Amino acid sequence: MEAPSDNELVRKLRAGDLNALAEIFNIHRERLRQMIALRLDERLGGRVSGSDVLQEVYIDALKRIDHFFQQPDLPAYLWLRLLTQQRLVDVHRQHLGADMRTVAKEVAMAPNDYQSASSVCIARHLAAKDESPSATVSKREQMKAIEAALESMDPIDREVLALRHFEELSNDEAAQILGLKKAAASNRYVRALQRLKDVLNSRG
């Protein structure tokens, strides 16, 4: 039997079937977990897990179903992702407190009210995963070069790169999140990806 689509489940949810929300959440759980892994400050790794955040997001979703219903053009995944963004902001404020000022780049809120991915977070995911002692220095140098390239980008270009390359969102999804036209989002992604490739190739 074919699994129900988001649209079918949303119709059930609007009809009052809360089990449909659990199904929608389970469909998108891994995508949300991937987003959290990219954007959660690494210093919170020992205190906050992706599962912890997801549990809170599900509770938030239960409380804010009416908010979702008021936005009929908003896909279910993008709504859950928005709740996850907001929960991440709360997590950072709760655990970092006054230290938020020193990590502004990592938890900065852009004008469009999305939580931007920091150069540090992106570089950490791009750097080679070789953890051997002989690779430590090279990896550190590589991360610095990647961070420098990312910092030189327009923040929206950097965010498009995070959304498309790491969260694996479609161009349409990225454009909707950032409030851009589809062509503009696509052009920004191609430009940012090429700049990053140039940096990595120069160190190859």
N, C-alpha and C. Protein backbone atom coordinates (compact mmCIF):
# COMPACT_ATOMS: atom_id res chain seq x y z
N MET A 1 0.85 -1.20 0.00
CA MET A 1 0.00 0.00 0.00
C MET A 1 0.88 1.25 0.00
N GLU A 2 0.58 2.19 -0.88
CA GLU A 2 1.39 3.40 -1.01
C GLU A 2 1.19 4.32 0.19
N ALA A 3 2.31 4.85 0.69
CA ALA A 3 2.23 5.74 1.86
C ALA A 3 1.50 7.02 1.47
N PRO A 4 0.72 7.58 2.41
CA PRO A 4 -0.01 8.82 2.11
C PRO A 4 0.95 9.98 1.88
N SER A 5 0.55 10.90 1.02
CA SER A 5 1.37 12.07 0.73
C SER A 5 1.15 13.13 1.80
N ASP A 6 2.01 14.15 1.78
CA ASP A 6 1.85 15.28 2.70
C ASP A 6 0.46 15.90 2.55
N ASN A 7 0.03 16.08 1.30
CA ASN A 7 -1.25 16.74 1.07
C ASN A 7 -2.40 15.94 1.67
N GLU A 8 -2.34 14.62 1.52
CA GLU A 8 -3.39 13.79 2.11
C GLU A 8 -3.39 13.88 3.63
N LEU A 9 -2.20 13.87 4.20
CA LEU A 9 -2.09 13.93 5.65
C LEU A 9 -2.51 15.30 6.19
N VAL A 10 -2.20 16.35 5.44
CA VAL A 10 -2.62 17.69 5.87
C VAL A 10 -4.14 17.79 5.86
N ARG A 11 -4.78 17.18 4.85
CA ARG A 11 -6.25 17.18 4.82
C ARG A 11 -6.81 16.47 6.05
N LYS A 12 -6.18 15.36 6.43
CA LYS A 12 -6.62 14.64 7.63
C LYS A 12 -6.41 15.49 8.88
N LEU A 13 -5.28 16.19 8.89
CA LEU A 13 -4.97 17.04 10.05
C LEU A 13 -5.98 18.16 10.18
N ARG A 14 -6.34 18.76 9.07
CA ARG A 14 -7.33 19.83 9.09
C ARG A 14 -8.70 19.32 9.55
N ALA A 15 -8.93 18.03 9.32
CA ALA A 15 -10.20 17.43 9.73
C ALA A 15 -10.18 17.02 11.20
N GLY A 16 -9.05 17.25 11.87
CA GLY A 16 -8.98 16.98 13.30
C GLY A 16 -8.24 15.72 13.69
N ASP A 17 -7.61 15.04 12.72
CA ASP A 17 -6.88 13.81 13.01
C ASP A 17 -5.44 14.14 13.40
N LEU A 18 -5.15 14.17 14.71
CA LEU A 18 -3.81 14.52 15.17
C LEU A 18 -2.78 13.44 14.85
N ASN A 19 -3.24 12.21 14.59
CA ASN A 19 -2.29 11.17 14.19
C ASN A 19 -1.61 11.54 12.87
N ALA A 20 -2.29 12.33 12.07
CA ALA A 20 -1.71 12.76 10.79
C ALA A 20 -0.48 13.62 11.02
N LEU A 21 -0.48 14.42 12.08
CA LEU A 21 0.68 15.24 12.38
C LEU A 21 1.89 14.36 12.70
N ALA A 22 1.67 13.30 13.47
CA ALA A 22 2.77 12.38 13.79
C ALA A 22 3.33 11.75 12.52
N GLU A 23 2.44 11.40 11.59
CA GLU A 23 2.90 10.81 10.33
C GLU A 23 3.70 11.81 9.51
N ILE A 24 3.21 13.04 9.44
CA ILE A 24 3.94 14.08 8.70
C ILE A 24 5.32 14.29 9.32
N PHE A 25 5.36 14.35 10.63
CA PHE A 25 6.62 14.58 11.34
C PHE A 25 7.60 13.44 11.07
N ASN A 26 7.11 12.21 11.09
CA ASN A 26 7.98 11.07 10.85
C ASN A 26 8.54 11.06 9.44
N ILE A 27 7.74 11.52 8.48
CA ILE A 27 8.20 11.59 7.09
C ILE A 27 9.41 12.51 6.97
N HIS A 28 9.37 13.61 7.71
CA HIS A 28 10.41 14.64 7.57
C HIS A 28 11.44 14.64 8.69
N ARG A 29 11.37 13.68 9.57
CA ARG A 29 12.25 13.65 10.75
C ARG A 29 13.73 13.71 10.38
N GLU A 30 14.16 12.91 9.41
CA GLU A 30 15.60 12.86 9.09
C GLU A 30 16.07 14.15 8.43
N ARG A 31 15.23 14.78 7.64
CA ARG A 31 15.60 16.06 7.04
C ARG A 31 15.78 17.11 8.13
N LEU A 32 14.90 17.10 9.10
CA LEU A 32 15.01 18.05 10.20
C LEU A 32 16.24 17.75 11.05
N ARG A 33 16.53 16.47 11.25
CA ARG A 33 17.71 16.09 12.03
C ARG A 33 18.98 16.57 11.32
N GLN A 34 19.00 16.48 10.01
CA GLN A 34 20.14 16.95 9.23
C GLN A 34 20.32 18.45 9.37
N MET A 35 19.22 19.18 9.37
CA MET A 35 19.26 20.63 9.56
C MET A 35 19.84 20.97 10.93
N ILE A 36 19.37 20.27 11.95
CA ILE A 36 19.84 20.53 13.31
C ILE A 36 21.33 20.25 13.42
N ALA A 37 21.80 19.16 12.82
CA ALA A 37 23.21 18.81 12.88
C ALA A 37 24.09 19.91 12.28
N LEU A 38 23.58 20.58 11.24
CA LEU A 38 24.33 21.65 10.60
C LEU A 38 24.36 22.91 11.45
N ARG A 39 23.27 23.21 12.14
CA ARG A 39 23.10 24.52 12.76
C ARG A 39 23.26 24.56 14.27
N LEU A 40 23.32 23.42 14.93
CA LEU A 40 23.48 23.41 16.38
C LEU A 40 24.93 23.70 16.74
N ASP A 41 25.14 24.68 17.61
CA ASP A 41 26.49 25.04 18.04
C ASP A 41 27.20 23.80 18.59
N GLU A 42 28.42 23.57 18.09
CA GLU A 42 29.13 22.34 18.46
C GLU A 42 29.42 22.27 19.96
N ARG A 43 29.45 23.40 20.64
CA ARG A 43 29.71 23.40 22.08
C ARG A 43 28.55 22.82 22.88
N LEU A 44 27.40 22.69 22.22
CA LEU A 44 26.23 22.14 22.91
C LEU A 44 26.09 20.64 22.69
N GLY A 45 27.05 20.06 21.98
CA GLY A 45 26.96 18.65 21.64
C GLY A 45 26.80 17.73 22.83
N GLY A 46 27.42 18.07 23.94
CA GLY A 46 27.32 17.22 25.12
C GLY A 46 26.09 17.47 25.96
N ARG A 47 25.37 18.54 25.65
CA ARG A 47 24.22 18.91 26.46
C ARG A 47 22.90 18.78 25.72
N VAL A 48 22.93 18.95 24.41
CA VAL A 48 21.70 18.93 23.62
C VAL A 48 21.90 18.01 22.42
N SER A 49 20.98 17.09 22.24
CA SER A 49 21.05 16.19 21.08
C SER A 49 20.00 16.57 20.06
N GLY A 50 20.20 16.09 18.84
CA GLY A 50 19.20 16.33 17.81
C GLY A 50 17.84 15.78 18.21
N SER A 51 17.84 14.63 18.88
CA SER A 51 16.59 14.03 19.32
C SER A 51 15.87 14.91 20.34
N ASP A 52 16.64 15.54 21.22
CA ASP A 52 16.05 16.46 22.20
C ASP A 52 15.32 17.60 21.48
N VAL A 53 16.00 18.18 20.48
CA VAL A 53 15.41 19.30 19.75
C VAL A 53 14.16 18.85 19.00
N LEU A 54 14.25 17.69 18.36
CA LEU A 54 13.11 17.20 17.59
C LEU A 54 11.89 16.95 18.48
N GLN A 55 12.13 16.45 19.68
CA GLN A 55 11.02 16.21 20.61
C GLN A 55 10.31 17.52 20.95
N GLU A 56 11.11 18.57 21.18
CA GLU A 56 10.52 19.87 21.49
C GLU A 56 9.79 20.46 20.28
N VAL A 57 10.34 20.22 19.10
CA VAL A 57 9.70 20.74 17.88
C VAL A 57 8.33 20.08 17.69
N TYR A 58 8.24 18.80 17.96
CA TYR A 58 6.95 18.12 17.81
C TYR A 58 5.92 18.69 18.78
N ILE A 59 6.34 18.97 19.99
CA ILE A 59 5.44 19.59 20.97
C ILE A 59 5.02 20.98 20.49
N ASP A 60 5.99 21.73 19.94
CA ASP A 60 5.67 23.06 19.38
C ASP A 60 4.63 22.94 18.27
N ALA A 61 4.80 21.91 17.42
CA ALA A 61 3.88 21.72 16.30
C ALA A 61 2.46 21.44 16.79
N LEU A 62 2.35 20.62 17.82
CA LEU A 62 1.03 20.33 18.39
C LEU A 62 0.35 21.59 18.89
N LYS A 63 1.14 22.48 19.48
CA LYS A 63 0.59 23.70 20.05
C LYS A 63 0.24 24.73 18.98
N ARG A 64 0.88 24.61 17.81
CA ARG A 64 0.75 25.68 16.82
C ARG A 64 0.11 25.22 15.50
N ILE A 65 -0.69 24.19 15.58
CA ILE A 65 -1.36 23.70 14.38
C ILE A 65 -2.21 24.80 13.72
N ASP A 66 -2.89 25.60 14.54
CA ASP A 66 -3.72 26.67 13.99
C ASP A 66 -2.89 27.65 13.17
N HIS A 67 -1.65 27.90 13.61
CA HIS A 67 -0.75 28.78 12.87
C HIS A 67 -0.47 28.21 11.49
N PHE A 68 -0.32 26.91 11.40
CA PHE A 68 -0.09 26.24 10.12
C PHE A 68 -1.32 26.37 9.23
N PHE A 69 -2.49 26.17 9.81
CA PHE A 69 -3.72 26.24 9.04
C PHE A 69 -3.95 27.63 8.45
N GLN A 70 -3.41 28.65 9.09
CA GLN A 70 -3.58 30.02 8.62
C GLN A 70 -2.68 30.35 7.42
N GLN A 71 -1.81 29.40 7.05
CA GLN A 71 -0.89 29.61 5.93
C GLN A 71 -1.05 28.48 4.92
N PRO A 72 -2.13 28.49 4.17
CA PRO A 72 -2.46 27.37 3.28
C PRO A 72 -1.42 27.11 2.19
N ASP A 73 -0.61 28.10 1.86
CA ASP A 73 0.40 27.91 0.80
C ASP A 73 1.74 27.41 1.34
N LEU A 74 1.84 27.24 2.65
CA LEU A 74 3.10 26.82 3.25
C LEU A 74 3.16 25.30 3.33
N PRO A 75 4.12 24.67 2.63
CA PRO A 75 4.24 23.20 2.70
C PRO A 75 4.51 22.74 4.13
N ALA A 76 4.08 21.53 4.44
CA ALA A 76 4.22 21.00 5.79
C ALA A 76 5.68 20.97 6.23
N TYR A 77 6.58 20.57 5.33
CA TYR A 77 7.98 20.49 5.74
C TYR A 77 8.54 21.86 6.10
N LEU A 78 8.23 22.86 5.30
CA LEU A 78 8.77 24.20 5.57
C LEU A 78 8.21 24.76 6.87
N TRP A 79 6.97 24.39 7.20
CA TRP A 79 6.41 24.80 8.49
C TRP A 79 7.18 24.14 9.64
N LEU A 80 7.42 22.84 9.53
CA LEU A 80 8.17 22.14 10.57
C LEU A 80 9.60 22.67 10.66
N ARG A 81 10.17 23.02 9.52
CA ARG A 81 11.52 23.57 9.52
C ARG A 81 11.56 24.93 10.21
N LEU A 82 10.52 25.74 9.99
CA LEU A 82 10.43 27.03 10.65
C LEU A 82 10.35 26.85 12.16
N LEU A 83 9.56 25.91 12.62
CA LEU A 83 9.47 25.62 14.05
C LEU A 83 10.82 25.15 14.60
N THR A 84 11.55 24.40 13.79
CA THR A 84 12.86 23.91 14.21
C THR A 84 13.85 25.06 14.32
N GLN A 85 13.80 25.99 13.38
CA GLN A 85 14.64 27.20 13.46
C GLN A 85 14.39 27.94 14.77
N GLN A 86 13.12 28.14 15.05
CA GLN A 86 12.77 28.89 16.26
C GLN A 86 13.19 28.15 17.52
N ARG A 87 13.06 26.84 17.50
CA ARG A 87 13.49 26.05 18.66
C ARG A 87 15.00 26.12 18.83
N LEU A 88 15.75 26.12 17.74
CA LEU A 88 17.21 26.22 17.82
C LEU A 88 17.63 27.56 18.42
N VAL A 89 16.94 28.62 18.05
CA VAL A 89 17.25 29.93 18.63
C VAL A 89 17.05 29.87 20.14
N ASP A 90 15.94 29.28 20.57
CA ASP A 90 15.66 29.16 22.01
C ASP A 90 16.72 28.32 22.71
N VAL A 91 17.14 27.24 22.07
CA VAL A 91 18.16 26.36 22.67
C VAL A 91 19.48 27.11 22.85
N HIS A 92 19.88 27.86 21.84
CA HIS A 92 21.12 28.61 21.94
C HIS A 92 21.04 29.68 23.04
N ARG A 93 19.91 30.36 23.10
CA ARG A 93 19.75 31.38 24.14
C ARG A 93 19.78 30.75 25.54
N GLN A 94 19.12 29.62 25.67
CA GLN A 94 19.03 28.95 26.98
C GLN A 94 20.40 28.48 27.46
N HIS A 95 21.19 27.90 26.56
CA HIS A 95 22.44 27.28 26.99
C HIS A 95 23.66 28.18 26.88
N LEU A 96 23.59 29.18 25.99
CA LEU A 96 24.75 30.05 25.83
C LEU A 96 24.60 31.36 26.59
N GLY A 97 23.35 31.76 26.83
CA GLY A 97 23.09 32.94 27.64
C GLY A 97 23.83 34.17 27.16
N ALA A 98 24.58 34.79 28.08
CA ALA A 98 25.31 36.02 27.75
C ALA A 98 26.35 35.79 26.67
N ASP A 99 26.79 34.54 26.54
CA ASP A 99 27.81 34.22 25.54
C ASP A 99 27.27 34.32 24.13
N MET A 100 25.96 34.53 23.99
CA MET A 100 25.38 34.69 22.66
C MET A 100 26.05 35.80 21.89
N ARG A 101 26.49 36.84 22.57
CA ARG A 101 27.10 37.97 21.87
C ARG A 101 28.38 37.55 21.16
N THR A 102 29.11 36.62 21.74
CA THR A 102 30.39 36.23 21.17
C THR A 102 30.23 35.21 20.06
N VAL A 103 29.03 34.66 19.90
CA VAL A 103 28.81 33.68 18.84
C VAL A 103 27.71 34.17 17.91
N ALA A 104 27.64 35.48 17.74
CA ALA A 104 26.56 36.06 16.95
C ALA A 104 26.50 35.47 15.55
N LYS A 105 27.66 35.20 14.97
CA LYS A 105 27.68 34.68 13.62
C LYS A 105 27.04 33.30 13.54
N GLU A 106 27.14 32.56 14.64
CA GLU A 106 26.65 31.19 14.62
C GLU A 106 25.16 31.09 14.86
N VAL A 107 24.58 32.10 15.45
CA VAL A 107 23.15 32.04 15.73
C VAL A 107 22.44 33.31 15.25
N ALA A 108 23.08 34.00 14.33
CA ALA A 108 22.55 35.29 13.87
C ALA A 108 21.20 35.11 13.19
N MET A 109 20.33 36.07 13.42
CA MET A 109 19.05 36.07 12.74
C MET A 109 19.10 37.10 11.62
N ALA A 110 18.89 36.66 10.41
CA ALA A 110 18.93 37.54 9.26
C ALA A 110 17.61 38.30 9.15
N PRO A 111 17.56 39.35 8.31
CA PRO A 111 16.35 40.15 8.19
C PRO A 111 15.10 39.34 7.87
N ASN A 112 15.26 38.24 7.10
CA ASN A 112 14.09 37.44 6.74
C ASN A 112 13.67 36.49 7.85
N ASP A 113 14.29 36.62 9.02
CA ASP A 113 13.93 35.83 10.18
C ASP A 113 14.25 34.35 10.02
N TYR A 114 15.32 34.04 9.30
CA TYR A 114 15.79 32.67 9.29
C TYR A 114 17.10 32.62 10.05
N GLN A 115 17.43 31.47 10.58
CA GLN A 115 18.68 31.34 11.32
C GLN A 115 19.77 30.96 10.34
N SER A 116 20.71 31.86 10.11
CA SER A 116 21.71 31.62 9.09
C SER A 116 22.75 30.62 9.57
N ALA A 117 23.23 29.83 8.62
CA ALA A 117 24.29 28.88 8.93
C ALA A 117 25.62 29.63 8.96
N SER A 118 26.42 29.38 9.96
CA SER A 118 27.68 30.10 10.06
C SER A 118 28.74 29.47 9.17
N SER A 119 29.76 30.26 8.87
CA SER A 119 30.88 29.76 8.10
C SER A 119 31.56 28.62 8.84
N VAL A 120 31.62 28.72 10.16
CA VAL A 120 32.25 27.68 10.96
C VAL A 120 31.51 26.37 10.82
N CYS A 121 30.18 26.42 10.91
CA CYS A 121 29.38 25.20 10.81
C CYS A 121 29.53 24.56 9.44
N ILE A 122 29.46 25.37 8.39
CA ILE A 122 29.57 24.82 7.05
C ILE A 122 30.96 24.24 6.81
N ALA A 123 31.98 24.96 7.24
CA ALA A 123 33.35 24.49 7.05
C ALA A 123 33.58 23.17 7.78
N ARG A 124 32.99 23.05 8.95
CA ARG A 124 33.15 21.82 9.73
C ARG A 124 32.57 20.63 8.97
N HIS A 125 31.46 20.84 8.26
CA HIS A 125 30.85 19.76 7.51
C HIS A 125 31.57 19.48 6.19
N LEU A 126 32.26 20.48 5.69
CA LEU A 126 32.97 20.30 4.42
C LEU A 126 34.35 19.69 4.59
N ALA A 127 34.96 19.96 5.73
CA ALA A 127 36.34 19.52 5.94
C ALA A 127 36.45 18.00 5.87
N ALA A 128 37.61 17.55 5.49
CA ALA A 128 37.84 16.10 5.41
C ALA A 128 37.58 15.44 6.74
N LYS A 129 37.06 14.21 6.69
CA LYS A 129 36.69 13.50 7.91
C LYS A 129 37.82 12.64 8.46
N ASP A 130 38.96 12.74 7.88
CA ASP A 130 40.12 11.99 8.35
C ASP A 130 40.57 12.56 9.69
N GLU A 131 40.45 11.78 10.74
CA GLU A 131 40.77 12.26 12.08
C GLU A 131 42.13 11.78 12.57
N SER A 132 42.95 11.21 11.70
CA SER A 132 44.26 10.72 12.12
C SER A 132 45.15 11.89 12.52
N PRO A 133 46.11 11.67 13.44
CA PRO A 133 46.98 12.76 13.89
C PRO A 133 47.69 13.47 12.74
N SER A 134 48.10 12.69 11.74
CA SER A 134 48.83 13.29 10.62
C SER A 134 47.96 14.23 9.80
N ALA A 135 46.65 14.06 9.91
CA ALA A 135 45.74 14.88 9.11
C ALA A 135 45.25 16.11 9.86
N THR A 136 45.55 16.20 11.14
CA THR A 136 44.98 17.26 11.97
C THR A 136 45.36 18.66 11.48
N VAL A 137 46.65 18.87 11.23
CA VAL A 137 47.11 20.19 10.80
C VAL A 137 46.52 20.54 9.45
N SER A 138 46.55 19.59 8.52
CA SER A 138 46.01 19.84 7.19
C SER A 138 44.53 20.16 7.25
N LYS A 139 43.81 19.44 8.09
CA LYS A 139 42.37 19.67 8.22
C LYS A 139 42.09 21.06 8.78
N ARG A 140 42.89 21.47 9.76
CA ARG A 140 42.71 22.78 10.36
C ARG A 140 42.96 23.87 9.33
N GLU A 141 43.99 23.70 8.52
CA GLU A 141 44.29 24.68 7.49
C GLU A 141 43.18 24.72 6.44
N GLN A 142 42.66 23.54 6.10
CA GLN A 142 41.58 23.46 5.13
C GLN A 142 40.34 24.18 5.64
N MET A 143 40.02 23.98 6.90
CA MET A 143 38.85 24.62 7.48
C MET A 143 39.00 26.14 7.48
N LYS A 144 40.20 26.62 7.77
CA LYS A 144 40.43 28.06 7.77
C LYS A 144 40.23 28.64 6.37
N ALA A 145 40.72 27.92 5.35
CA ALA A 145 40.56 28.39 3.98
C ALA A 145 39.09 28.40 3.57
N ILE A 146 38.36 27.36 3.96
CA ILE A 146 36.94 27.28 3.63
C ILE A 146 36.17 28.38 4.34
N GLU A 147 36.48 28.59 5.62
CA GLU A 147 35.81 29.64 6.39
C GLU A 147 36.04 31.00 5.75
N ALA A 148 37.30 31.25 5.32
CA ALA A 148 37.61 32.54 4.69
C ALA A 148 36.80 32.74 3.42
N ALA A 149 36.68 31.67 2.63
CA ALA A 149 35.90 31.76 1.39
C ALA A 149 34.43 32.02 1.69
N LEU A 150 33.91 31.33 2.69
CA LEU A 150 32.51 31.50 3.06
C LEU A 150 32.24 32.89 3.61
N GLU A 151 33.18 33.40 4.41
CA GLU A 151 33.01 34.73 4.99
C GLU A 151 33.01 35.82 3.92
N SER A 152 33.66 35.55 2.79
CA SER A 152 33.72 36.55 1.73
C SER A 152 32.43 36.60 0.91
N MET A 153 31.56 35.62 1.12
CA MET A 153 30.30 35.57 0.37
C MET A 153 29.25 36.48 1.00
N ASP A 154 28.32 36.89 0.17
CA ASP A 154 27.12 37.54 0.69
C ASP A 154 26.43 36.53 1.62
N PRO A 155 25.93 36.97 2.78
CA PRO A 155 25.29 36.03 3.72
C PRO A 155 24.17 35.20 3.10
N ILE A 156 23.44 35.79 2.16
CA ILE A 156 22.35 35.02 1.53
C ILE A 156 22.92 33.94 0.61
N ASP A 157 24.04 34.24 -0.08
CA ASP A 157 24.68 33.21 -0.90
C ASP A 157 25.14 32.05 -0.01
N ARG A 158 25.69 32.39 1.13
CA ARG A 158 26.16 31.35 2.06
C ARG A 158 24.99 30.52 2.56
N GLU A 159 23.87 31.19 2.81
CA GLU A 159 22.70 30.48 3.31
C GLU A 159 22.10 29.59 2.22
N VAL A 160 22.07 30.07 0.99
CA VAL A 160 21.59 29.24 -0.12
C VAL A 160 22.44 27.98 -0.22
N LEU A 161 23.73 28.14 -0.07
CA LEU A 161 24.64 26.99 -0.12
C LEU A 161 24.30 25.99 0.97
N ALA A 162 24.06 26.48 2.18
CA ALA A 162 23.71 25.60 3.30
C ALA A 162 22.40 24.88 3.03
N LEU A 163 21.41 25.61 2.54
CA LEU A 163 20.09 25.02 2.30
C LEU A 163 20.12 23.97 1.20
N ARG A 164 20.80 24.30 0.09
CA ARG A 164 20.79 23.40 -1.06
C ARG A 164 21.78 22.25 -0.89
N HIS A 165 22.99 22.56 -0.44
CA HIS A 165 24.05 21.57 -0.44
C HIS A 165 24.02 20.66 0.79
N PHE A 166 23.69 21.21 1.94
CA PHE A 166 23.76 20.44 3.18
C PHE A 166 22.39 19.95 3.66
N GLU A 167 21.40 20.82 3.56
CA GLU A 167 20.06 20.37 3.94
C GLU A 167 19.36 19.66 2.79
N GLU A 168 19.94 19.79 1.59
CA GLU A 168 19.42 19.12 0.39
C GLU A 168 17.99 19.54 0.08
N LEU A 169 17.70 20.82 0.26
CA LEU A 169 16.41 21.35 -0.12
C LEU A 169 16.38 21.60 -1.62
N SER A 170 15.19 21.61 -2.18
CA SER A 170 15.05 21.94 -3.59
C SER A 170 15.25 23.45 -3.76
N ASN A 171 15.45 23.85 -5.01
CA ASN A 171 15.59 25.29 -5.28
C ASN A 171 14.31 26.03 -4.90
N ASP A 172 13.16 25.42 -5.17
CA ASP A 172 11.89 26.06 -4.82
C ASP A 172 11.77 26.27 -3.31
N GLU A 173 12.18 25.26 -2.53
CA GLU A 173 12.11 25.37 -1.07
C GLU A 173 13.04 26.45 -0.56
N ALA A 174 14.27 26.46 -1.09
CA ALA A 174 15.24 27.47 -0.66
C ALA A 174 14.74 28.87 -0.99
N ALA A 175 14.20 29.04 -2.19
CA ALA A 175 13.69 30.35 -2.60
C ALA A 175 12.56 30.80 -1.69
N GLN A 176 11.68 29.89 -1.32
CA GLN A 176 10.55 30.25 -0.46
C GLN A 176 11.03 30.64 0.94
N ILE A 177 12.00 29.91 1.46
CA ILE A 177 12.53 30.22 2.79
C ILE A 177 13.17 31.60 2.82
N LEU A 178 13.92 31.92 1.76
CA LEU A 178 14.68 33.17 1.73
C LEU A 178 13.91 34.34 1.12
N GLY A 179 12.72 34.08 0.62
CA GLY A 179 11.96 35.16 0.01
C GLY A 179 12.55 35.64 -1.29
N LEU A 180 13.17 34.72 -2.05
CA LEU A 180 13.78 35.06 -3.33
C LEU A 180 12.97 34.49 -4.48
N LYS A 181 13.15 35.05 -5.65
CA LYS A 181 12.60 34.43 -6.85
C LYS A 181 13.40 33.17 -7.14
N LYS A 182 12.76 32.20 -7.78
CA LYS A 182 13.42 30.91 -8.01
C LYS A 182 14.72 31.07 -8.82
N ALA A 183 14.68 31.91 -9.83
CA ALA A 183 15.87 32.10 -10.67
C ALA A 183 17.01 32.72 -9.86
N ALA A 184 16.67 33.66 -8.98
CA ALA A 184 17.69 34.31 -8.17
C ALA A 184 18.32 33.32 -7.19
N ALA A 185 17.50 32.46 -6.58
CA ALA A 185 18.02 31.46 -5.66
C ALA A 185 18.95 30.50 -6.38
N SER A 186 18.55 30.10 -7.59
CA SER A 186 19.37 29.17 -8.37
C SER A 186 20.71 29.81 -8.75
N ASN A 187 20.68 31.05 -9.20
CA ASN A 187 21.90 31.74 -9.59
C ASN A 187 22.85 31.93 -8.41
N ARG A 188 22.29 32.25 -7.26
CA ARG A 188 23.11 32.43 -6.07
C ARG A 188 23.77 31.11 -5.66
N TYR A 189 23.04 30.03 -5.76
CA TYR A 189 23.60 28.72 -5.40
C TYR A 189 24.75 28.34 -6.32
N VAL A 190 24.55 28.50 -7.61
CA VAL A 190 25.60 28.16 -8.58
C VAL A 190 26.85 29.00 -8.31
N ARG A 191 26.66 30.28 -8.04
CA ARG A 191 27.79 31.19 -7.79
C ARG A 191 28.54 30.80 -6.51
N ALA A 192 27.80 30.51 -5.45
CA ALA A 192 28.43 30.16 -4.19
C ALA A 192 29.15 28.82 -4.29
N LEU A 193 28.53 27.87 -4.95
CA LEU A 193 29.14 26.55 -5.10
C LEU A 193 30.42 26.62 -5.91
N GLN A 194 30.43 27.43 -6.96
CA GLN A 194 31.63 27.56 -7.78
C GLN A 194 32.76 28.22 -7.00
N ARG A 195 32.43 29.22 -6.20
CA ARG A 195 33.46 29.88 -5.39
C ARG A 195 34.08 28.89 -4.41
N LEU A 196 33.24 28.07 -3.83
CA LEU A 196 33.72 27.09 -2.87
C LEU A 196 34.57 26.02 -3.56
N LYS A 197 34.14 25.59 -4.73
CA LYS A 197 34.91 24.60 -5.49
C LYS A 197 36.28 25.14 -5.86
N ASP A 198 36.33 26.41 -6.23
CA ASP A 198 37.61 27.03 -6.58
C ASP A 198 38.58 26.99 -5.42
N VAL A 199 38.07 27.26 -4.21
CA VAL A 199 38.91 27.23 -3.02
C VAL A 199 39.42 25.83 -2.75
N LEU A 200 38.53 24.84 -2.82
CA LEU A 200 38.92 23.47 -2.54
C LEU A 200 39.89 22.94 -3.59
N ASN A 201 39.66 23.30 -4.86
CA ASN A 201 40.55 22.83 -5.93
C ASN A 201 41.95 23.45 -5.78
N SER A 202 41.99 24.68 -5.31
CA SER A 202 43.29 25.36 -5.16
C SER A 202 44.13 24.72 -4.06
N ARG A 203 43.48 23.94 -3.18
CA ARG A 203 44.18 23.27 -2.10
C ARG A 203 44.35 21.79 -2.37
N GLY A 204 43.91 21.36 -3.54
CA GLY A 204 43.96 19.95 -3.87
C GLY A 204 45.37 19.44 -4.14
